[in-house]
Amino acid sequence: GLHDAEMVRLDTDNKLSPTLCNSFFLIRQEEKIGGLVYLLREIIPNPQGVLVFVATRHHAEFVVSILKHNNLN
């Protein structure tokens, strides 16, 4: 369903940043928003370098409104 999609490969031709860190958290559905806000406020030292994946544009707009409400850019 994507228009003008591009394939991005992360292999030997494209090196990942040595400072890149990824994490996976298993969290209950009802605690996801609170968990995200907690991580951005308390755990992640540099929140301007965070990438959050969501399922739809509606979800993205919802997360943005929650983050703005909590004074997180």
Protein backbone atom coordinates (compact mmCIF):
# COMPACT_ATOMS: atom_id res chain seq x y z
CA GLY A 1 0.00 0.00 0.00
CA LEU A 2 3.00 2.35 -0.08
CA HIS A 3 3.61 4.77 -2.92
CA ASP A 4 7.18 5.29 -4.15
CA ALA A 5 8.55 2.86 -1.56
CA GLU A 6 12.31 2.32 -1.36
CA MET A 7 14.28 -0.64 -0.10
CA VAL A 8 16.96 0.22 2.45
CA ARG A 9 19.57 -2.41 3.22
CA LEU A 10 21.75 -2.37 6.27
CA ASP A 11 24.59 -4.61 5.29
CA THR A 12 28.30 -4.36 4.50
CA ASP A 13 27.81 -1.45 2.10
CA ASN A 14 26.03 0.70 4.68
CA LYS A 15 27.65 0.78 8.08
CA LEU A 16 25.55 1.42 11.18
CA SER A 17 26.60 4.17 13.53
CA PRO A 18 28.74 2.86 16.41
CA THR A 19 26.62 4.96 18.78
CA LEU A 20 23.34 3.38 17.65
CA CYS A 21 21.53 1.54 20.41
CA ASN A 22 18.25 -0.29 20.12
CA SER A 23 16.08 -1.80 22.80
CA PHE A 24 12.96 -3.90 22.94
CA PHE A 25 10.49 -3.71 25.80
CA LEU A 26 7.59 -6.06 26.33
CA ILE A 27 4.85 -4.03 27.97
CA ARG A 28 1.12 -4.42 28.48
CA GLN A 29 -1.14 -2.51 26.10
CA GLU A 30 -2.58 -0.27 28.82
CA GLU A 31 0.91 0.76 29.99
CA LYS A 32 2.45 1.63 26.62
CA ILE A 33 1.93 5.41 26.67
CA GLY A 34 3.04 5.75 30.29
CA GLY A 35 6.03 3.54 29.57
CA LEU A 36 7.05 5.64 26.57
CA VAL A 37 6.79 8.87 28.55
CA TYR A 38 8.79 7.31 31.41
CA LEU A 39 11.51 6.08 29.04
CA LEU A 40 11.83 9.47 27.36
CA ARG A 41 11.95 11.35 30.67
CA GLU A 42 13.96 9.04 32.91
CA ILE A 43 15.91 6.43 30.96
CA ILE A 44 17.01 7.78 27.58
CA PRO A 45 19.71 10.43 28.03
CA ASN A 46 19.21 12.09 24.64
CA PRO A 47 15.53 11.92 23.63
CA GLN A 48 16.06 13.97 20.47
CA GLY A 49 17.64 10.90 18.89
CA VAL A 50 14.76 8.50 19.48
CA LEU A 51 12.72 6.77 16.79
CA VAL A 52 9.29 5.45 17.82
CA PHE A 53 7.44 3.12 15.46
CA VAL A 54 3.64 3.12 15.34
CA ALA A 55 1.15 1.29 13.17
CA THR A 56 -0.78 4.13 11.50
CA ARG A 57 -0.82 7.87 10.93
CA HIS A 58 -3.61 8.10 13.51
CA HIS A 59 -1.36 6.41 16.08
CA ALA A 60 1.49 8.78 15.19
CA GLU A 61 -0.74 11.83 15.71
CA PHE A 62 -1.94 10.40 19.02
CA VAL A 63 1.63 9.81 20.25
CA VAL A 64 2.64 13.33 19.20
CA SER A 65 -0.27 14.80 21.18
CA ILE A 66 0.66 12.76 24.27
CA LEU A 67 4.31 13.80 24.02
CA LYS A 68 3.41 17.47 23.57
CA HIS A 69 1.07 17.26 26.56
CA ASN A 70 4.03 15.94 28.59
CA ASN A 71 6.40 18.65 27.29
CA LEU A 72 8.43 16.20 25.20
CA ASN A 73 9.40 17.21 21.69
